[in-house]
Protein backbone atom coordinates (compact mmCIF):
# COMPACT_ATOMS: atom_id res chain seq x y z
CA MET A 1 -0.18 0.03 0.41
CA GLU A 2 3.10 2.35 0.16
CA GLY A 3 3.20 5.12 -2.07
CA LYS A 4 -0.03 5.45 -3.42
CA THR A 5 -1.38 8.81 -5.14
CA ALA A 6 -4.95 10.87 -4.65
CA LEU A 7 -7.33 13.23 -5.54
CA ILE A 8 -9.36 15.19 -3.92
CA ALA A 9 -12.06 17.57 -4.38
CA GLY A 10 -13.64 19.67 -1.68
CA ALA A 11 -10.71 20.18 0.18
CA THR A 12 -12.02 23.07 1.78
CA GLY A 13 -15.55 21.97 3.39
CA LEU A 14 -16.80 20.36 6.19
CA ILE A 15 -15.70 16.36 4.93
CA GLY A 16 -12.72 17.72 2.67
CA ASN A 17 -10.84 19.64 4.92
CA GLU A 18 -10.38 16.96 7.48
CA LEU A 19 -9.79 14.05 4.56
CA LEU A 20 -7.17 15.87 3.38
CA ARG A 21 -5.36 16.18 6.46
CA LEU A 22 -6.15 12.52 7.15
CA LEU A 23 -4.56 11.99 3.61
CA LEU A 24 -1.40 14.15 4.04
CA GLU A 25 -0.44 12.62 7.42
CA ALA A 26 -0.92 9.01 6.07
CA SER A 27 1.91 6.92 5.42
CA GLU A 28 0.11 4.78 2.44
CA TYR A 29 -0.03 8.15 0.19
CA LYS A 30 3.32 9.70 -1.23
CA LYS A 31 1.43 12.38 -3.03
CA VAL A 32 -2.03 14.64 -3.04
CA TYR A 33 -3.33 16.67 -5.33
CA ALA A 34 -6.42 18.96 -4.20
CA LEU A 35 -8.61 20.73 -7.15
CA VAL A 36 -9.27 24.10 -5.90
CA ARG A 37 -10.73 26.85 -7.24
CA ARG A 38 -8.25 29.61 -4.94
CA PRO A 39 -5.26 28.51 -2.91
CA LEU A 40 -5.46 26.56 0.52
CA GLU A 41 -2.50 28.29 2.06
CA ILE A 42 -1.50 24.91 3.36
CA HIS A 43 1.92 23.99 2.63
CA HIS A 44 3.23 20.34 2.66
CA SER A 45 5.65 18.50 1.04
CA LYS A 46 3.04 15.64 -0.07
CA LEU A 47 0.13 18.33 -1.16
CA ILE A 48 -0.18 19.29 -5.00
CA GLU A 49 -2.55 22.52 -5.17
CA VAL A 50 -4.47 22.68 -8.83
CA VAL A 51 -5.99 25.65 -9.11
CA VAL A 52 -8.91 24.74 -11.96
CA ASP A 53 -11.95 26.17 -13.93
CA PHE A 54 -14.57 23.56 -12.37
CA ASP A 55 -15.76 24.27 -16.33
CA ARG A 56 -12.98 23.49 -17.61
CA LEU A 57 -11.67 20.43 -16.03
CA ASP A 58 -10.14 18.92 -19.31
CA GLU A 59 -7.36 21.61 -19.33
CA ASP A 60 -6.12 20.19 -16.53
CA LYS A 61 -6.54 16.42 -16.66
CA GLN A 62 -2.92 15.36 -16.25
CA TYR A 63 -3.32 15.84 -12.21
CA PHE A 64 -6.16 13.19 -12.37
CA ALA A 65 -3.62 9.92 -13.19
CA VAL A 66 -3.92 8.97 -9.39
CA GLU A 67 -5.21 5.89 -7.77
CA ASP A 68 -7.78 7.28 -5.25
CA VAL A 69 -10.48 9.64 -6.25
CA PHE A 70 -12.09 11.50 -3.16
CA VAL A 71 -15.15 13.77 -4.04
CA CYS A 72 -16.66 15.58 -1.30
CA LEU A 73 -18.32 18.74 -3.73
CA GLY A 74 -21.63 19.70 -2.06
CA THR A 75 -23.31 23.05 -1.76
CA THR A 76 -26.76 24.77 -0.69
CA ILE A 77 -29.46 26.29 -2.57
CA LYS A 78 -29.03 29.40 -0.37
CA LYS A 79 -25.26 29.54 -2.00
CA ALA A 80 -26.06 28.74 -5.03
CA LYS A 81 -29.33 30.67 -5.68
CA THR A 82 -30.42 28.09 -8.02
CA GLN A 83 -31.35 24.57 -8.35
CA ASP A 84 -29.45 24.56 -12.31
CA ALA A 85 -26.02 25.60 -10.15
CA MET A 86 -26.41 23.63 -7.20
CA TYR A 87 -26.93 20.56 -9.67
CA LYS A 88 -23.70 21.58 -11.42
CA ILE A 89 -21.41 21.63 -8.10
CA ASP A 90 -23.38 18.28 -6.49
CA VAL A 91 -23.89 16.31 -9.37
CA ASP A 92 -22.05 17.65 -12.94
CA TYR A 93 -18.30 18.42 -11.31
CA PRO A 94 -18.47 14.90 -9.49
CA VAL A 95 -18.88 13.04 -12.76
CA GLU A 96 -16.66 15.02 -14.74
CA ILE A 97 -13.95 14.49 -12.26
CA GLY A 98 -15.09 10.68 -12.44
CA ARG A 99 -14.98 10.50 -16.14
CA ILE A 100 -11.38 12.11 -16.13
CA ALA A 101 -10.37 10.19 -13.57
CA LYS A 102 -11.42 6.67 -14.73
CA GLU A 103 -9.73 7.74 -18.67
CA SER A 104 -6.67 8.82 -16.86
CA GLY A 105 -6.42 5.02 -14.93
CA ALA A 106 -7.59 6.17 -11.44
CA LYS A 107 -9.13 2.69 -10.12
CA HIS A 108 -11.31 4.07 -6.82
CA TYR A 109 -13.57 6.59 -6.88
CA LEU A 110 -15.14 7.64 -3.16
CA VAL A 111 -17.84 10.00 -3.19
CA VAL A 112 -20.26 11.84 -0.27
CA SER A 113 -23.20 11.41 -1.51
CA ALA A 114 -26.53 11.59 1.26
CA MET A 115 -28.90 9.03 3.31
CA ASN A 116 -32.12 10.09 1.47
CA ALA A 117 -30.53 9.71 -1.89
CA ASP A 118 -33.19 8.52 -4.34
CA ILE A 119 -33.72 9.30 -8.11
CA GLN A 120 -37.69 8.66 -7.66
CA SER A 121 -38.24 11.40 -5.26
CA LYS A 122 -40.43 14.48 -5.94
CA ILE A 123 -37.98 16.40 -3.73
CA PHE A 124 -35.35 18.27 -5.30
CA TYR A 125 -32.17 17.66 -3.34
CA PRO A 126 -32.84 13.07 -2.65
CA ARG A 127 -33.38 13.26 -6.39
CA MET A 128 -30.21 15.21 -7.45
CA LYS A 129 -28.22 12.69 -5.00
CA GLY A 130 -30.45 9.69 -6.60
CA GLU A 131 -29.11 10.60 -10.23
CA LEU A 132 -25.41 11.19 -8.91
CA GLU A 133 -25.47 7.90 -7.50
CA GLU A 134 -26.99 6.29 -11.07
CA ILE A 135 -24.70 7.91 -13.06
CA VAL A 136 -21.24 7.47 -11.19
CA GLN A 137 -22.10 3.75 -11.22
CA LYS A 138 -21.78 3.55 -14.61
CA LEU A 139 -18.55 5.25 -15.30
CA GLY A 140 -16.95 1.76 -15.05
CA PHE A 141 -14.98 2.35 -11.81
CA GLU A 142 -12.53 -1.02 -10.61
CA LYS A 143 -13.65 0.24 -7.02
CA LEU A 144 -16.40 2.45 -6.21
CA SER A 145 -17.50 3.53 -2.78
CA ILE A 146 -20.83 5.78 -2.36
CA PHE A 147 -21.10 7.65 1.49
CA ARG A 148 -24.32 7.99 2.73
CA PRO A 149 -24.31 10.32 5.43
CA SER A 150 -27.57 11.88 7.57
CA LEU A 151 -27.42 15.26 9.10
CA LEU A 152 -23.72 16.53 8.68
CA LEU A 153 -21.94 17.92 12.39
CA GLY A 154 -18.98 20.15 12.74
CA ASN A 155 -17.66 23.76 12.13
CA ARG A 156 -18.10 25.00 8.44
CA ASP A 157 -16.86 28.12 7.57
CA GLU A 158 -20.60 29.38 6.90
CA PHE A 159 -23.49 29.46 8.87
CA ARG A 160 -26.17 27.14 7.74
CA LEU A 161 -29.02 28.37 10.23
CA GLY A 162 -31.05 24.97 9.19
CA GLU A 163 -28.72 22.81 9.57
CA GLU A 164 -27.91 24.38 12.94
CA LEU A 165 -30.75 24.24 14.55
CA ALA A 166 -31.18 20.76 13.60
CA ALA A 167 -27.68 19.52 15.03
CA VAL A 168 -28.86 20.91 18.34
CA LEU A 169 -32.09 18.89 18.30
CA MET A 170 -29.90 15.91 17.03
CA LYS A 171 -27.44 16.50 19.72
CA GLY A 172 -30.21 17.31 22.44
CA LEU A 173 -32.35 14.14 21.29
CA LYS A 174 -29.68 11.58 20.74
CA PHE A 175 -31.15 9.33 23.10
CA LEU A 176 -33.92 8.96 21.23
CA PHE A 177 -31.69 7.82 18.01
CA VAL A 178 -31.61 4.06 19.02
CA GLY A 179 -32.99 0.79 17.92
CA PRO A 180 -34.03 1.22 14.01
CA LEU A 181 -33.91 5.12 14.38
CA ARG A 182 -29.89 4.79 15.16
CA LYS A 183 -29.35 5.51 11.80
CA TYR A 184 -30.60 8.80 11.22
CA ARG A 185 -28.01 9.90 14.22
CA ALA A 186 -26.26 13.15 13.21
CA VAL A 187 -22.54 12.36 12.29
CA GLU A 188 -19.09 14.31 12.49
CA GLY A 189 -17.55 15.38 8.98
CA LYS A 190 -14.27 14.29 10.68
CA THR A 191 -16.14 10.67 11.14
CA VAL A 192 -17.47 10.43 7.54
CA ALA A 193 -13.72 11.82 6.38
CA ASN A 194 -11.90 8.55 8.67
CA ALA A 195 -14.52 6.00 6.99
CA MET A 196 -13.37 7.32 3.79
CA TYR A 197 -10.07 7.07 4.44
CA LYS A 198 -10.42 3.42 5.89
CA VAL A 199 -12.41 2.29 3.01
CA ALA A 200 -9.50 3.51 0.59
CA LEU A 201 -7.03 1.45 2.49
CA GLU A 202 -9.22 -1.33 1.91
CA LYS A 203 -7.31 -4.25 -0.30
CA GLU A 204 -10.35 -5.58 -1.66
CA GLN A 205 -13.63 -3.69 -1.49
CA GLY A 206 -16.81 -5.00 -3.11
CA LYS A 207 -18.97 -2.76 -1.18
CA ILE A 208 -20.60 0.12 -2.94
CA PHE A 209 -23.23 1.79 -0.39
CA PHE A 210 -22.46 2.82 2.96
CA THR A 211 -25.25 3.84 5.40
CA SER A 212 -24.89 6.41 7.99
CA GLN A 213 -24.65 3.71 10.23
CA GLU A 214 -22.16 2.05 8.83
CA ILE A 215 -19.73 4.92 8.46
CA GLN A 216 -20.69 5.81 12.22
CA ALA A 217 -19.19 2.28 12.74
CA ILE A 218 -15.88 2.62 10.28
CA GLY A 219 -15.05 5.92 11.09
CA LYS A 220 -15.42 6.45 14.88
């Protein structure tokens, strides 16, 4: 496992930031490429920042020839302004990254989806995530890992009132989420990151979907 290379997109987000730190500290990885819109201001001998235009990723495809591809991209409708703009970030960019990486020889694609992903849903967000899952399964990766966390906990750069209120409620009523309801427990962003890192190190990986409860167990 020594000397692996990785590509990460979404390194400034709640999960991606934690995951980048893990990859840089991991002895199993010799080089980590981070696709970013602007410099991260992180200095590390393993890190290669690739400032890209996500609408023109083909221009930087020389950086996609890695073994493991981690995609932690995602936004909110408030920040994106429109559903089309949100779809581009949550679906189009992850798919394009996967396409180029697969053509470049990448072996394992790991992506963050959502607990309620459902291509048949009448609600935009879960339907969007369901479409993401369906498309990436058709990319033909040797290994594919789709993570479906529930509500994410952790310190974000941006304030999201709805998520903050839900997080407080979930923490206060944690004792209620037992048995069949355990799968709905909120999960720390760093737990998801740790689960992705651990799954990437598995030599044999046949599983595709990881539920929030499984993420909790793997990433704790």
